[in-house]
Amino acid sequence: MAAAPRMREKPCVERGMAARRGEEEEEKKEEEEGDGDNAGLCPRDQLSRRIKEQKVIIDELSNLKKNRKVYKQQPNSNIFFLADRTETLSQCKIVLDELKKAHQEMENSEKTKIKK
């Protein structure tokens, strides 16, 4: 039986439970190393993909019922810990804002290169 491919930074929602895979440290490491799924994409496309994924996570967390549990996965392991839903949602929003800011800076730098 073949194992399912391991997906990083994807929302994990099963039976009303949501989990955000990874942390900011892992995200920074992926930016430096490059993601296996995004290996052929330019950095701007990688950033766009990560923004879309983060939006899905935020949508899933905000649509959860109040009594549902949220788990965070430890980086580089299969261990999950119970996390506060509202705290996780606010952390995800902060990460999304940072990603959007980086994307905007990248677009602005490209526009200035074109003008010169």
C-alpha atoms as a PDB file:
ATOM      1  CA  MET A   1       0.000   0.000   0.000  1.00  0.00           C
ATOM      2  CA  ALA A   2       1.546   3.288  -1.079  1.00  0.00           C
ATOM      3  CA  ALA A   3       1.738   6.082   1.435  1.00  0.00           C
ATOM      4  CA  ALA A   4      -0.010   9.327   0.592  1.00  0.00           C
ATOM      5  CA  PRO A   5       2.345  12.116  -0.454  1.00  0.00           C
ATOM      6  CA  ARG A   6       3.196  14.427   2.380  1.00  0.00           C
ATOM      7  CA  MET A   7       1.713  17.895   1.918  1.00  0.00           C
ATOM      8  CA  ARG A   8       3.226  20.846   3.743  1.00  0.00           C
ATOM      9  CA  GLU A   9       1.480  24.069   4.661  1.00  0.00           C
ATOM     10  CA  LYS A  10      -1.912  22.719   3.641  1.00  0.00           C
ATOM     11  CA  PRO A  11      -4.965  22.999   5.831  1.00  0.00           C
ATOM     12  CA  CYS A  12      -5.817  19.743   7.526  1.00  0.00           C
ATOM     13  CA  VAL A  13      -9.521  19.605   8.293  1.00  0.00           C
ATOM     14  CA  GLU A  14     -11.146  16.337   9.222  1.00  0.00           C
ATOM     15  CA  ARG A  15     -14.389  15.747  11.083  1.00  0.00           C
ATOM     16  CA  GLY A  16     -14.645  19.336  12.285  1.00  0.00           C
ATOM     17  CA  MET A  17     -11.033  19.584  13.444  1.00  0.00           C
ATOM     18  CA  ALA A  18      -8.651  22.022  11.786  1.00  0.00           C
ATOM     19  CA  ALA A  19      -4.888  22.077  12.009  1.00  0.00           C
ATOM     20  CA  ARG A  20      -2.306  24.407  10.600  1.00  0.00           C
ATOM     21  CA  ARG A  21       0.796  22.576   9.545  1.00  0.00           C
ATOM     22  CA  GLY A  22       4.096  24.162  10.380  1.00  0.00           C
ATOM     23  CA  GLU A  23       5.162  27.420  11.913  1.00  0.00           C
ATOM     24  CA  GLU A  24       6.808  30.617  10.745  1.00  0.00           C
ATOM     25  CA  GLU A  25      10.248  29.078  11.279  1.00  0.00           C
ATOM     26  CA  GLU A  26       9.414  26.272   8.872  1.00  0.00           C
ATOM     27  CA  GLU A  27       7.983  28.783   6.398  1.00  0.00           C
ATOM     28  CA  LYS A  28      11.209  30.778   6.447  1.00  0.00           C
ATOM     29  CA  LYS A  29      13.211  27.591   5.969  1.00  0.00           C
ATOM     30  CA  GLU A  30      11.043  26.630   2.996  1.00  0.00           C
ATOM     31  CA  GLU A  31      11.582  30.048   1.453  1.00  0.00           C
ATOM     32  CA  GLU A  32      15.329  29.482   1.654  1.00  0.00           C
ATOM     33  CA  GLU A  33      15.271  25.853   0.484  1.00  0.00           C
ATOM     34  CA  GLY A  34      12.360  25.940  -1.917  1.00  0.00           C
ATOM     35  CA  ASP A  35       9.268  23.768  -1.674  1.00  0.00           C
ATOM     36  CA  GLY A  36       9.110  20.431  -3.482  1.00  0.00           C
ATOM     37  CA  ASP A  37       5.676  21.254  -4.907  1.00  0.00           C
ATOM     38  CA  ASN A  38       6.774  24.723  -5.981  1.00  0.00           C
ATOM     39  CA  ALA A  39      10.275  23.880  -7.188  1.00  0.00           C
ATOM     40  CA  GLY A  40       9.597  24.953 -10.780  1.00  0.00           C
ATOM     41  CA  LEU A  41       7.734  28.148  -9.875  1.00  0.00           C
ATOM     42  CA  CYS A  42       9.237  31.599  -9.642  1.00  0.00           C
ATOM     43  CA  PRO A  43       9.327  33.166  -6.141  1.00  0.00           C
ATOM     44  CA  ARG A  44       6.349  35.394  -6.943  1.00  0.00           C
ATOM     45  CA  ASP A  45       4.214  32.388  -7.905  1.00  0.00           C
ATOM     46  CA  GLN A  46       5.339  30.518  -4.807  1.00  0.00           C
ATOM     47  CA  LEU A  47       4.305  33.465  -2.683  1.00  0.00           C
ATOM     48  CA  SER A  48       0.939  33.671  -4.446  1.00  0.00           C
ATOM     49  CA  ARG A  49       0.346  29.974  -3.808  1.00  0.00           C
ATOM     50  CA  ARG A  50       1.212  30.348  -0.125  1.00  0.00           C
ATOM     51  CA  ILE A  51      -1.163  33.331   0.141  1.00  0.00           C
ATOM     52  CA  LYS A  52      -3.982  31.252  -1.366  1.00  0.00           C
ATOM     53  CA  GLU A  53      -3.263  28.389   1.040  1.00  0.00           C
ATOM     54  CA  GLN A  54      -3.243  30.766   4.011  1.00  0.00           C
ATOM     55  CA  LYS A  55      -6.593  32.217   2.903  1.00  0.00           C
ATOM     56  CA  VAL A  56      -8.069  28.710   2.850  1.00  0.00           C
ATOM     57  CA  ILE A  57      -6.764  28.036   6.354  1.00  0.00           C
ATOM     58  CA  ILE A  58      -8.262  31.287   7.643  1.00  0.00           C
ATOM     59  CA  ASP A  59     -11.577  30.508   5.962  1.00  0.00           C
ATOM     60  CA  GLU A  60     -11.683  27.030   7.498  1.00  0.00           C
ATOM     61  CA  LEU A  61     -10.815  28.311  10.971  1.00  0.00           C
ATOM     62  CA  SER A  62     -13.342  31.144  10.840  1.00  0.00           C
ATOM     63  CA  ASN A  63     -16.134  28.803   9.714  1.00  0.00           C
ATOM     64  CA  LEU A  64     -15.608  26.295  12.527  1.00  0.00           C
ATOM     65  CA  LYS A  65     -18.289  25.928  15.159  1.00  0.00           C
ATOM     66  CA  LYS A  66     -17.385  27.297  18.579  1.00  0.00           C
ATOM     67  CA  ASN A  67     -17.121  23.869  20.213  1.00  0.00           C
ATOM     68  CA  ARG A  68     -14.721  22.375  17.632  1.00  0.00           C
ATOM     69  CA  LYS A  69     -11.118  21.678  18.533  1.00  0.00           C
ATOM     70  CA  VAL A  70      -8.090  22.939  16.640  1.00  0.00           C
ATOM     71  CA  TYR A  71      -4.756  21.165  16.613  1.00  0.00           C
ATOM     72  CA  LYS A  72      -1.343  22.417  15.522  1.00  0.00           C
ATOM     73  CA  GLN A  73       1.214  20.050  14.133  1.00  0.00           C
ATOM     74  CA  GLN A  74       4.752  20.230  15.400  1.00  0.00           C
ATOM     75  CA  PRO A  75       7.240  20.993  12.610  1.00  0.00           C
ATOM     76  CA  ASN A  76       8.889  17.895  11.116  1.00  0.00           C
ATOM     77  CA  SER A  77       6.799  15.444  13.139  1.00  0.00           C
ATOM     78  CA  ASN A  78       3.417  13.775  13.260  1.00  0.00           C
ATOM     79  CA  ILE A  79       2.605  15.115  16.717  1.00  0.00           C
ATOM     80  CA  PHE A  80      -0.398  17.411  17.147  1.00  0.00           C
ATOM     81  CA  PHE A  81      -1.128  19.660  20.122  1.00  0.00           C
ATOM     82  CA  LEU A  82      -4.423  21.216  21.090  1.00  0.00           C
ATOM     83  CA  ALA A  83      -4.470  24.944  20.309  1.00  0.00           C
ATOM     84  CA  ASP A  84      -6.837  27.810  20.981  1.00  0.00           C
ATOM     85  CA  ARG A  85      -9.053  28.438  17.931  1.00  0.00           C
ATOM     86  CA  THR A  86      -9.113  32.234  18.199  1.00  0.00           C
ATOM     87  CA  GLU A  87      -5.369  32.446  18.849  1.00  0.00           C
ATOM     88  CA  THR A  88      -4.625  30.195  15.886  1.00  0.00           C
ATOM     89  CA  LEU A  89      -6.908  32.268  13.676  1.00  0.00           C
ATOM     90  CA  SER A  90      -5.208  35.509  14.692  1.00  0.00           C
ATOM     91  CA  GLN A  91      -1.752  33.983  14.084  1.00  0.00           C
ATOM     92  CA  CYS A  92      -2.840  32.858  10.632  1.00  0.00           C
ATOM     93  CA  LYS A  93      -4.118  36.351   9.841  1.00  0.00           C
ATOM     94  CA  ILE A  94      -0.782  37.825  10.895  1.00  0.00           C
ATOM     95  CA  VAL A  95       1.081  35.383   8.646  1.00  0.00           C
ATOM     96  CA  LEU A  96      -1.267  36.246   5.764  1.00  0.00           C
ATOM     97  CA  ASP A  97      -0.613  39.954   6.267  1.00  0.00           C
ATOM     98  CA  GLU A  98       3.143  39.317   6.206  1.00  0.00           C
ATOM     99  CA  LEU A  99       2.829  37.258   3.020  1.00  0.00           C
ATOM    100  CA  LYS A 100       0.730  39.951   1.352  1.00  0.00           C
ATOM    101  CA  LYS A 101       3.251  42.597   2.371  1.00  0.00           C
ATOM    102  CA  ALA A 102       6.132  40.552   0.936  1.00  0.00           C
ATOM    103  CA  HIS A 103       4.161  39.986  -2.280  1.00  0.00           C
ATOM    104  CA  GLN A 104       3.427  43.703  -2.595  1.00  0.00           C
ATOM    105  CA  GLU A 105       7.097  44.566  -2.029  1.00  0.00           C
ATOM    106  CA  MET A 106       8.094  42.051  -4.680  1.00  0.00           C
ATOM    107  CA  GLU A 107       5.648  43.549  -7.184  1.00  0.00           C
ATOM    108  CA  ASN A 108       6.811  47.075  -6.385  1.00  0.00           C
ATOM    109  CA  SER A 109      10.452  46.122  -6.885  1.00  0.00           C
ATOM    110  CA  GLU A 110       9.605  44.529 -10.234  1.00  0.00           C
ATOM    111  CA  LYS A 111       7.767  47.680 -11.330  1.00  0.00           C
ATOM    112  CA  THR A 112      10.747  49.868 -10.439  1.00  0.00           C
ATOM    113  CA  LYS A 113      13.067  47.559 -12.412  1.00  0.00           C
ATOM    114  CA  ILE A 114      10.799  47.852 -15.448  1.00  0.00           C
ATOM    115  CA  LYS A 115      10.713  51.665 -15.219  1.00  0.00           C
ATOM    116  CA  LYS A 116      14.525  51.870 -15.219  1.00  0.00           C
END
